[in-house]
Each structure stands twice: as C-alpha cells, then as structure tokens.
Amino acid sequence: IAYVSPSFAGLTVHAMYSNGVDADTNKWSDNSHYYGLGVKYNANNILSSLIFEAAQNKNVVAPGNSNAKYGINYGLEWNLGAITPMFGYQYVWQDKGNKDHQFGLSAQAPVAGGTAMLGARYLFGKDDGAAEGKEDKHNVFTIGAGYAYPLSKRTKINSYAGYAHSGKAW
C-alpha cells in the first residue's frame, strides 16, 4: 500500500506498507513487513528526499539475521542546466547485524545528444554479528561512468563501466 499526499509548495509526503512476501504465513503477526515514510521536495530545479524504512524479517528461512532492518536515506540533486550534481547518504542498521554508512556523489550532463553520467560511492561499517575473532569492520569504494543515447522516444542505448575496491571483512 502506498500513499502520496498532494503537493504543498513542492513538498509531498509518502507512506508505504507491505505485508510480506510469497513465503509468508497466513497469520499476519508472523509475516514479514515493510514500512516506509518519506518527504520529497521538488521545486526550482532542486529535488530532495528523506526516507525512513523498516523491514521486519520475522520468517527468515535461511540461516541469517531475522532482526528488523532500518534505514535512513537522504538524496539531493540540483539541475543547473548544463550539469546536474547529486549527493546521497544512507545509514542502515540491524541488531546483531551490519551498521553501514554510505556516501555518494554523482553528476550527469547532456553530451552529444545523450546523457553522460559519473558517480562515486564510499561505504563503511561494522558487523555486530561477526563471529568471535573475525574481522567486524568493512568498507568499499566504487566509481562508475555511463552514457545513455536515445535512438527513439522508447529506445536507448546504455553503456557503463565501473570499478569497486573493498577492504577489511569484505
């Protein structure tokens, strides 16, 4: 279920809920659930959003952490005409699981009839569920470039190249 409020001077409120997936039971309290609440601002060439999410994994069948997962996401983009810079931040956490911070910077610009894109992201965190004596910290850095060229209104060619480097437990 999703709800989007009417726009108030470019500001909208979004609320989301999901009652589980295919493997869920018939009993509501035993199902996995997803909740999300966000605000989005879109005016004067600025697009920004802040979202809180929660996922309860009550019926995880495979070995793993069935504790609820939470996330806070923030995004900002500013269309300057010739270039659109973007910033993103995410913090996710789970009891006896990962706690991660992710930062991303990217930009896109019109080039030769298409759109050129460049972005980089850095993630670092700690796994509270790591086995005794095992590395509990992790990090990863990624960078990527892409180009999208429209062949028609419905068809485009996409190209992408990327690099990732991880360290510690990853």
N, C-alpha and C. Protein backbone atom coordinates (compact mmCIF):
# COMPACT_ATOMS: atom_id res chain seq x y z
N ILE A 1 0.86 -1.16 0.00
CA ILE A 1 0.00 0.00 0.00
C ILE A 1 0.91 1.22 0.00
N ALA A 2 0.60 2.18 -0.85
CA ALA A 2 1.39 3.41 -0.90
C ALA A 2 0.46 4.61 -0.94
N TYR A 3 0.87 5.69 -0.30
CA TYR A 3 0.10 6.92 -0.31
C TYR A 3 1.05 8.07 -0.61
N VAL A 4 0.63 8.98 -1.48
CA VAL A 4 1.38 10.19 -1.77
C VAL A 4 0.43 11.36 -1.54
N SER A 5 0.85 12.29 -0.71
CA SER A 5 0.00 13.44 -0.39
C SER A 5 -0.03 14.41 -1.56
N PRO A 6 -0.99 15.30 -1.56
CA PRO A 6 -0.94 16.40 -2.54
C PRO A 6 0.32 17.23 -2.29
N SER A 7 0.78 17.94 -3.30
CA SER A 7 1.97 18.76 -3.19
C SER A 7 1.65 20.09 -2.51
N PHE A 8 2.44 20.44 -1.52
CA PHE A 8 2.32 21.72 -0.82
C PHE A 8 3.60 22.50 -1.08
N ALA A 9 3.57 23.43 -2.05
CA ALA A 9 4.74 24.24 -2.42
C ALA A 9 5.93 23.35 -2.77
N GLY A 10 5.69 22.25 -3.46
CA GLY A 10 6.76 21.35 -3.88
C GLY A 10 7.07 20.23 -2.90
N LEU A 11 6.42 20.21 -1.75
CA LEU A 11 6.68 19.20 -0.72
C LEU A 11 5.57 18.16 -0.73
N THR A 12 5.94 16.87 -0.80
CA THR A 12 4.97 15.79 -0.71
C THR A 12 5.41 14.82 0.37
N VAL A 13 4.43 14.15 0.96
CA VAL A 13 4.69 13.12 1.97
C VAL A 13 4.32 11.78 1.35
N HIS A 14 5.16 10.78 1.55
CA HIS A 14 4.94 9.44 1.01
C HIS A 14 4.93 8.45 2.17
N ALA A 15 3.95 7.55 2.16
CA ALA A 15 3.88 6.50 3.18
C ALA A 15 3.70 5.17 2.45
N MET A 16 4.42 4.13 2.90
CA MET A 16 4.38 2.82 2.25
C MET A 16 4.26 1.72 3.29
N TYR A 17 3.57 0.64 2.92
CA TYR A 17 3.47 -0.54 3.78
C TYR A 17 3.32 -1.78 2.90
N SER A 18 3.99 -2.85 3.29
CA SER A 18 3.84 -4.12 2.59
C SER A 18 3.71 -5.22 3.64
N ASN A 19 2.74 -6.11 3.43
CA ASN A 19 2.52 -7.22 4.34
C ASN A 19 3.14 -8.49 3.78
N GLY A 20 4.46 -8.53 3.74
CA GLY A 20 5.14 -9.77 3.44
C GLY A 20 5.36 -10.11 1.99
N VAL A 21 5.88 -11.32 1.81
CA VAL A 21 6.24 -11.85 0.51
C VAL A 21 5.66 -13.25 0.34
N ASP A 22 5.97 -13.93 -0.76
CA ASP A 22 5.38 -15.23 -1.08
C ASP A 22 5.54 -16.29 0.02
N ALA A 23 6.65 -16.29 0.73
CA ALA A 23 6.90 -17.35 1.72
C ALA A 23 6.20 -17.08 3.06
N ASP A 24 5.46 -15.98 3.16
CA ASP A 24 4.82 -15.64 4.42
C ASP A 24 3.72 -16.62 4.80
N THR A 25 3.40 -16.60 6.07
CA THR A 25 2.33 -17.45 6.60
C THR A 25 0.99 -16.73 6.46
N ASN A 26 -0.06 -17.40 6.81
CA ASN A 26 -1.39 -16.79 6.77
C ASN A 26 -1.66 -15.93 8.00
N LYS A 27 -0.85 -16.06 9.02
CA LYS A 27 -1.05 -15.29 10.24
C LYS A 27 -0.31 -13.96 10.12
N TRP A 28 -1.02 -12.85 10.20
CA TRP A 28 -0.45 -11.52 9.98
C TRP A 28 0.76 -11.26 10.86
N SER A 29 0.70 -11.62 12.13
CA SER A 29 1.79 -11.30 13.06
C SER A 29 3.05 -12.10 12.78
N ASP A 30 2.96 -13.19 12.00
CA ASP A 30 4.15 -13.97 11.66
C ASP A 30 4.77 -13.55 10.33
N ASN A 31 4.11 -12.68 9.59
CA ASN A 31 4.61 -12.26 8.28
C ASN A 31 5.75 -11.25 8.40
N SER A 32 6.53 -11.16 7.33
CA SER A 32 7.50 -10.07 7.20
C SER A 32 6.72 -8.82 6.82
N HIS A 33 7.18 -7.67 7.25
CA HIS A 33 6.50 -6.41 6.96
C HIS A 33 7.52 -5.37 6.53
N TYR A 34 7.10 -4.44 5.67
CA TYR A 34 7.93 -3.31 5.26
C TYR A 34 7.15 -2.04 5.55
N TYR A 35 7.82 -1.05 6.13
CA TYR A 35 7.22 0.25 6.41
C TYR A 35 8.15 1.32 5.85
N GLY A 36 7.59 2.35 5.28
CA GLY A 36 8.40 3.47 4.81
C GLY A 36 7.65 4.77 4.96
N LEU A 37 8.37 5.82 5.32
CA LEU A 37 7.80 7.14 5.44
C LEU A 37 8.83 8.13 4.91
N GLY A 38 8.40 8.97 3.99
CA GLY A 38 9.36 9.90 3.39
C GLY A 38 8.73 11.23 3.04
N VAL A 39 9.60 12.20 2.85
CA VAL A 39 9.19 13.51 2.35
C VAL A 39 10.05 13.82 1.13
N LYS A 40 9.43 14.46 0.14
CA LYS A 40 10.13 14.79 -1.09
C LYS A 40 9.86 16.26 -1.41
N TYR A 41 10.92 16.96 -1.81
CA TYR A 41 10.80 18.36 -2.21
C TYR A 41 11.25 18.45 -3.66
N ASN A 42 10.40 19.07 -4.50
CA ASN A 42 10.71 19.20 -5.92
C ASN A 42 10.25 20.58 -6.40
N ALA A 43 11.17 21.52 -6.47
CA ALA A 43 10.84 22.86 -6.94
C ALA A 43 12.14 23.60 -7.29
N ASN A 44 12.02 24.52 -8.23
CA ASN A 44 13.14 25.39 -8.60
C ASN A 44 14.41 24.61 -8.95
N ASN A 45 14.28 23.55 -9.74
CA ASN A 45 15.40 22.72 -10.20
C ASN A 45 16.09 21.94 -9.08
N ILE A 46 15.49 21.88 -7.91
CA ILE A 46 16.04 21.11 -6.79
C ILE A 46 15.10 19.96 -6.49
N LEU A 47 15.67 18.78 -6.36
CA LEU A 47 14.92 17.59 -5.97
C LEU A 47 15.63 17.00 -4.75
N SER A 48 14.89 16.83 -3.66
CA SER A 48 15.48 16.32 -2.44
C SER A 48 14.50 15.37 -1.77
N SER A 49 15.01 14.35 -1.10
CA SER A 49 14.13 13.41 -0.40
C SER A 49 14.80 12.91 0.87
N LEU A 50 13.96 12.60 1.84
CA LEU A 50 14.40 12.00 3.10
C LEU A 50 13.42 10.87 3.39
N ILE A 51 13.95 9.65 3.58
CA ILE A 51 13.10 8.47 3.73
C ILE A 51 13.57 7.65 4.94
N PHE A 52 12.61 7.20 5.74
CA PHE A 52 12.88 6.22 6.80
C PHE A 52 12.21 4.92 6.38
N GLU A 53 12.93 3.80 6.49
CA GLU A 53 12.41 2.49 6.11
C GLU A 53 12.65 1.49 7.24
N ALA A 54 11.76 0.54 7.36
CA ALA A 54 11.93 -0.56 8.31
C ALA A 54 11.41 -1.83 7.65
N ALA A 55 12.17 -2.91 7.80
CA ALA A 55 11.76 -4.22 7.28
C ALA A 55 11.88 -5.23 8.40
N GLN A 56 10.78 -5.88 8.74
CA GLN A 56 10.78 -6.93 9.74
C GLN A 56 10.83 -8.27 9.01
N ASN A 57 11.84 -9.04 9.29
CA ASN A 57 12.04 -10.34 8.63
C ASN A 57 11.70 -11.46 9.59
N LYS A 58 10.46 -11.56 9.98
CA LYS A 58 10.05 -12.50 11.03
C LYS A 58 10.17 -13.96 10.62
N ASN A 59 10.09 -14.25 9.34
CA ASN A 59 10.08 -15.65 8.93
C ASN A 59 11.24 -15.98 8.01
N VAL A 60 12.45 -15.54 8.37
CA VAL A 60 13.62 -15.86 7.57
C VAL A 60 13.86 -17.36 7.66
N VAL A 61 13.86 -18.03 6.50
CA VAL A 61 14.02 -19.49 6.48
C VAL A 61 15.49 -19.86 6.44
N ALA A 62 16.27 -19.17 5.62
CA ALA A 62 17.70 -19.47 5.51
C ALA A 62 18.42 -18.99 6.76
N PRO A 63 19.58 -19.57 7.07
CA PRO A 63 20.33 -19.08 8.22
C PRO A 63 20.66 -17.61 8.01
N GLY A 64 20.47 -16.83 9.02
CA GLY A 64 20.73 -15.40 8.90
C GLY A 64 20.11 -14.65 10.05
N ASN A 65 20.16 -13.36 9.95
CA ASN A 65 19.67 -12.49 11.00
C ASN A 65 18.22 -12.10 10.69
N SER A 66 17.29 -12.50 11.54
CA SER A 66 15.88 -12.19 11.32
C SER A 66 15.45 -10.92 12.04
N ASN A 67 16.39 -10.21 12.68
CA ASN A 67 16.05 -8.96 13.35
C ASN A 67 15.64 -7.91 12.33
N ALA A 68 14.83 -6.97 12.76
CA ALA A 68 14.37 -5.90 11.87
C ALA A 68 15.55 -5.09 11.35
N LYS A 69 15.43 -4.62 10.09
CA LYS A 69 16.44 -3.76 9.47
C LYS A 69 15.83 -2.37 9.32
N TYR A 70 16.65 -1.36 9.54
CA TYR A 70 16.19 0.03 9.45
C TYR A 70 17.12 0.81 8.52
N GLY A 71 16.58 1.83 7.91
CA GLY A 71 17.40 2.67 7.03
C GLY A 71 16.90 4.09 6.97
N ILE A 72 17.83 5.02 6.89
CA ILE A 72 17.54 6.43 6.65
C ILE A 72 18.28 6.81 5.39
N ASN A 73 17.55 7.36 4.42
CA ASN A 73 18.12 7.72 3.13
C ASN A 73 17.88 9.20 2.87
N TYR A 74 18.92 9.89 2.39
CA TYR A 74 18.78 11.29 2.01
C TYR A 74 19.38 11.48 0.62
N GLY A 75 18.68 12.20 -0.23
CA GLY A 75 19.19 12.47 -1.56
C GLY A 75 18.93 13.91 -1.95
N LEU A 76 19.84 14.48 -2.74
CA LEU A 76 19.72 15.86 -3.20
C LEU A 76 20.28 15.95 -4.60
N GLU A 77 19.54 16.56 -5.51
CA GLU A 77 20.06 16.86 -6.83
C GLU A 77 19.63 18.27 -7.22
N TRP A 78 20.52 18.93 -7.97
CA TRP A 78 20.26 20.31 -8.35
C TRP A 78 20.56 20.45 -9.83
N ASN A 79 19.52 20.62 -10.62
CA ASN A 79 19.67 20.74 -12.08
C ASN A 79 20.12 22.16 -12.41
N LEU A 80 21.38 22.29 -12.81
CA LEU A 80 21.95 23.59 -13.14
C LEU A 80 21.87 23.88 -14.64
N GLY A 81 21.21 23.00 -15.38
CA GLY A 81 21.09 23.17 -16.83
C GLY A 81 22.15 22.38 -17.57
N ALA A 82 23.38 22.84 -17.52
CA ALA A 82 24.46 22.15 -18.22
C ALA A 82 24.92 20.91 -17.48
N ILE A 83 24.71 20.87 -16.18
CA ILE A 83 25.14 19.73 -15.37
C ILE A 83 24.18 19.60 -14.18
N THR A 84 23.98 18.36 -13.74
CA THR A 84 23.15 18.10 -12.56
C THR A 84 23.97 17.34 -11.54
N PRO A 85 24.50 18.03 -10.51
CA PRO A 85 25.22 17.32 -9.45
C PRO A 85 24.23 16.68 -8.48
N MET A 86 24.63 15.54 -7.89
CA MET A 86 23.78 14.80 -6.96
C MET A 86 24.58 14.32 -5.77
N PHE A 87 23.92 14.23 -4.62
CA PHE A 87 24.53 13.72 -3.40
C PHE A 87 23.55 12.75 -2.76
N GLY A 88 24.07 11.68 -2.19
CA GLY A 88 23.22 10.73 -1.48
C GLY A 88 23.91 10.24 -0.22
N TYR A 89 23.13 10.00 0.81
CA TYR A 89 23.63 9.43 2.06
C TYR A 89 22.64 8.39 2.54
N GLN A 90 23.14 7.30 3.08
CA GLN A 90 22.29 6.25 3.65
C GLN A 90 22.95 5.71 4.91
N TYR A 91 22.13 5.53 5.94
CA TYR A 91 22.56 4.83 7.14
C TYR A 91 21.60 3.68 7.35
N VAL A 92 22.11 2.47 7.44
CA VAL A 92 21.30 1.28 7.69
C VAL A 92 21.84 0.56 8.92
N TRP A 93 20.93 -0.07 9.68
CA TRP A 93 21.36 -0.80 10.86
C TRP A 93 20.41 -1.94 11.17
N GLN A 94 20.97 -2.94 11.87
CA GLN A 94 20.22 -4.12 12.28
C GLN A 94 20.85 -4.64 13.56
N ASP A 95 20.04 -4.95 14.58
CA ASP A 95 20.57 -5.54 15.81
C ASP A 95 21.30 -6.83 15.48
N LYS A 96 22.48 -7.00 16.04
CA LYS A 96 23.34 -8.17 15.78
C LYS A 96 23.60 -8.33 14.29
N GLY A 97 23.73 -7.22 13.58
CA GLY A 97 23.99 -7.22 12.14
C GLY A 97 24.82 -6.02 11.73
N ASN A 98 24.78 -5.70 10.45
CA ASN A 98 25.56 -4.59 9.91
C ASN A 98 24.99 -3.25 10.32
N LYS A 99 25.91 -2.32 10.50
CA LYS A 99 25.59 -0.90 10.65
C LYS A 99 26.48 -0.20 9.63
N ASP A 100 25.86 0.38 8.60
CA ASP A 100 26.62 0.93 7.47
C ASP A 100 26.28 2.38 7.20
N HIS A 101 27.30 3.14 6.81
CA HIS A 101 27.15 4.49 6.30
C HIS A 101 27.57 4.46 4.83
N GLN A 102 26.78 5.09 3.95
CA GLN A 102 27.14 5.18 2.53
C GLN A 102 27.02 6.63 2.10
N PHE A 103 28.04 7.11 1.40
CA PHE A 103 28.04 8.46 0.85
C PHE A 103 28.25 8.34 -0.65
N GLY A 104 27.51 9.10 -1.43
CA GLY A 104 27.67 9.06 -2.87
C GLY A 104 27.63 10.45 -3.48
N LEU A 105 28.47 10.66 -4.48
CA LEU A 105 28.48 11.89 -5.27
C LEU A 105 28.40 11.49 -6.73
N SER A 106 27.59 12.20 -7.49
CA SER A 106 27.48 11.89 -8.91
C SER A 106 27.05 13.14 -9.66
N ALA A 107 27.13 13.04 -10.98
CA ALA A 107 26.68 14.14 -11.84
C ALA A 107 26.29 13.57 -13.18
N GLN A 108 25.39 14.28 -13.86
CA GLN A 108 25.03 13.92 -15.22
C GLN A 108 24.95 15.20 -16.03
N ALA A 109 25.26 15.05 -17.32
CA ALA A 109 25.24 16.22 -18.21
C ALA A 109 24.90 15.76 -19.62
N PRO A 110 24.20 16.62 -20.38
CA PRO A 110 23.93 16.28 -21.78
C PRO A 110 25.22 16.39 -22.60
N VAL A 111 25.52 15.31 -23.36
CA VAL A 111 26.73 15.29 -24.19
C VAL A 111 26.39 14.59 -25.51
N ALA A 112 26.63 15.26 -26.62
CA ALA A 112 26.48 14.68 -27.97
C ALA A 112 25.13 14.01 -28.18
N GLY A 113 24.06 14.63 -27.74
CA GLY A 113 22.72 14.08 -27.95
C GLY A 113 22.28 13.06 -26.92
N GLY A 114 23.15 12.68 -26.02
CA GLY A 114 22.83 11.71 -24.97
C GLY A 114 23.11 12.30 -23.60
N THR A 115 23.21 11.43 -22.61
CA THR A 115 23.48 11.87 -21.24
C THR A 115 24.70 11.12 -20.71
N ALA A 116 25.72 11.88 -20.31
CA ALA A 116 26.91 11.30 -19.68
C ALA A 116 26.73 11.34 -18.17
N MET A 117 27.17 10.26 -17.49
CA MET A 117 26.99 10.15 -16.04
C MET A 117 28.29 9.69 -15.40
N LEU A 118 28.59 10.23 -14.23
CA LEU A 118 29.79 9.86 -13.47
C LEU A 118 29.41 9.84 -12.00
N GLY A 119 29.85 8.82 -11.28
CA GLY A 119 29.50 8.74 -9.86
C GLY A 119 30.51 7.96 -9.06
N ALA A 120 30.56 8.24 -7.76
CA ALA A 120 31.43 7.54 -6.83
C ALA A 120 30.68 7.34 -5.52
N ARG A 121 30.99 6.24 -4.83
CA ARG A 121 30.32 5.93 -3.57
C ARG A 121 31.33 5.31 -2.61
N TYR A 122 31.20 5.65 -1.35
CA TYR A 122 32.03 5.05 -0.31
C TYR A 122 31.11 4.53 0.79
N LEU A 123 31.32 3.28 1.20
CA LEU A 123 30.54 2.65 2.26
C LEU A 123 31.52 2.16 3.32
N PHE A 124 31.18 2.38 4.58
CA PHE A 124 31.96 1.78 5.66
C PHE A 124 31.01 1.37 6.77
N GLY A 125 31.39 0.36 7.50
CA GLY A 125 30.51 -0.10 8.57
C GLY A 125 31.12 -1.17 9.42
N LYS A 126 30.27 -1.72 10.28
CA LYS A 126 30.68 -2.73 11.25
C LYS A 126 29.59 -3.79 11.33
N ASP A 127 30.00 -5.04 11.47
CA ASP A 127 29.07 -6.16 11.61
C ASP A 127 29.05 -6.61 13.07
N ASP A 128 27.98 -6.26 13.78
CA ASP A 128 27.85 -6.65 15.19
C ASP A 128 27.62 -8.14 15.35
N GLY A 129 27.32 -8.84 14.26
CA GLY A 129 27.07 -10.28 14.31
C GLY A 129 28.27 -11.11 13.88
N ALA A 130 29.44 -10.46 13.70
CA ALA A 130 30.63 -11.19 13.27
C ALA A 130 31.05 -12.20 14.33
N ALA A 131 31.53 -13.34 13.88
CA ALA A 131 31.99 -14.39 14.80
C ALA A 131 33.18 -13.90 15.61
N GLU A 132 33.31 -14.43 16.80
CA GLU A 132 34.43 -14.08 17.69
C GLU A 132 35.76 -14.27 16.98
N GLY A 133 36.62 -13.27 17.04
CA GLY A 133 37.93 -13.35 16.42
C GLY A 133 37.95 -13.02 14.93
N LYS A 134 36.80 -12.80 14.31
CA LYS A 134 36.72 -12.45 12.88
C LYS A 134 36.66 -10.93 12.74
N GLU A 135 37.13 -10.43 11.59
CA GLU A 135 37.07 -9.00 11.30
C GLU A 135 35.61 -8.54 11.29
N ASP A 136 35.32 -7.47 12.02
CA ASP A 136 33.94 -6.99 12.08
C ASP A 136 33.72 -5.67 11.34
N LYS A 137 34.78 -5.10 10.79
CA LYS A 137 34.65 -3.85 10.05
C LYS A 137 34.78 -4.11 8.55
N HIS A 138 34.13 -3.28 7.75
CA HIS A 138 34.19 -3.45 6.30
C HIS A 138 34.08 -2.09 5.63
N ASN A 139 34.54 -2.03 4.38
CA ASN A 139 34.40 -0.82 3.58
C ASN A 139 34.48 -1.18 2.11
N VAL A 140 33.94 -0.29 1.29
CA VAL A 140 34.01 -0.48 -0.16
C VAL A 140 33.94 0.89 -0.83
N PHE A 141 34.70 1.04 -1.90
CA PHE A 141 34.70 2.25 -2.71
C PHE A 141 34.35 1.85 -4.14
N THR A 142 33.42 2.57 -4.75
CA THR A 142 33.06 2.29 -6.14
C THR A 142 33.08 3.59 -6.93
N ILE A 143 33.39 3.45 -8.21
CA ILE A 143 33.33 4.57 -9.14
C ILE A 143 32.80 4.03 -10.46
N GLY A 144 32.01 4.82 -11.13
CA GLY A 144 31.43 4.35 -12.39
C GLY A 144 31.14 5.50 -13.32
N ALA A 145 31.10 5.17 -14.60
CA ALA A 145 30.77 6.14 -15.63
C ALA A 145 29.81 5.48 -16.61
N GLY A 146 28.90 6.25 -17.12
CA GLY A 146 27.92 5.71 -18.06
C GLY A 146 27.52 6.74 -19.10
N TYR A 147 26.91 6.23 -20.15
CA TYR A 147 26.40 7.10 -21.21
C TYR A 147 25.12 6.48 -21.75
N ALA A 148 24.09 7.29 -21.89
CA ALA A 148 22.81 6.83 -22.44
C ALA A 148 22.50 7.67 -23.68
N TYR A 149 22.24 6.97 -24.79
CA TYR A 149 21.95 7.66 -26.04
C TYR A 149 20.58 7.22 -26.55
N PRO A 150 19.63 8.16 -26.73
CA PRO A 150 18.30 7.78 -27.21
C PRO A 150 18.29 7.54 -28.72
N LEU A 151 17.79 6.37 -29.12
CA LEU A 151 17.61 6.08 -30.54
C LEU A 151 16.24 6.53 -31.02
N SER A 152 15.25 6.51 -30.10
CA SER A 152 13.90 6.97 -30.39
C SER A 152 13.27 7.36 -29.06
N LYS A 153 11.98 7.66 -29.05
CA LYS A 153 11.31 8.03 -27.79
C LYS A 153 11.26 6.87 -26.81
N ARG A 154 11.28 5.63 -27.32
CA ARG A 154 11.15 4.46 -26.45
C ARG A 154 12.40 3.59 -26.37
N THR A 155 13.40 3.89 -27.16
CA THR A 155 14.58 3.02 -27.22
C THR A 155 15.85 3.84 -27.01
N LYS A 156 16.73 3.33 -26.14
CA LYS A 156 18.01 3.99 -25.94
C LYS A 156 19.10 2.95 -25.73
N ILE A 157 20.31 3.36 -26.02
CA ILE A 157 21.49 2.52 -25.79
C ILE A 157 22.15 3.00 -24.51
N ASN A 158 22.43 2.07 -23.60
CA ASN A 158 23.10 2.39 -22.35
C ASN A 158 24.47 1.72 -22.32
N SER A 159 25.46 2.44 -21.84
CA SER A 159 26.79 1.84 -21.64
C SER A 159 27.25 2.23 -20.24
N TYR A 160 28.06 1.36 -19.63
CA TYR A 160 28.50 1.59 -18.26
C TYR A 160 29.84 0.89 -18.04
N ALA A 161 30.70 1.53 -17.27
CA ALA A 161 31.95 0.92 -16.82
C ALA A 161 32.13 1.31 -15.36
N GLY A 162 32.61 0.38 -14.56
CA GLY A 162 32.76 0.68 -13.14
C GLY A 162 33.92 -0.06 -12.52
N TYR A 163 34.31 0.39 -11.36
CA TYR A 163 35.39 -0.23 -10.59
C TYR A 163 34.98 -0.22 -9.12
N ALA A 164 35.28 -1.28 -8.41
CA ALA A 164 34.99 -1.37 -6.98
C ALA A 164 36.20 -1.94 -6.26
N HIS A 165 36.44 -1.45 -5.06
CA HIS A 165 37.52 -1.98 -4.23
C HIS A 165 36.99 -2.06 -2.80
N SER A 166 37.17 -3.23 -2.18
CA SER A 166 36.70 -3.41 -0.81
C SER A 166 37.86 -3.79 0.09
N GLY A 167 37.64 -3.62 1.38
CA GLY A 167 38.69 -3.92 2.32
C GLY A 167 38.15 -4.49 3.62
N LYS A 168 39.06 -4.88 4.46
CA LYS A 168 38.78 -5.49 5.76
C LYS A 168 37.95 -6.76 5.58
N ALA A 169 36.78 -6.87 6.21
CA ALA A 169 36.00 -8.12 6.17
C ALA A 169 35.43 -8.41 4.79
N TRP A 170 35.34 -7.41 3.92
CA TRP A 170 34.79 -7.63 2.59
C TRP A 170 35.91 -7.80 1.60
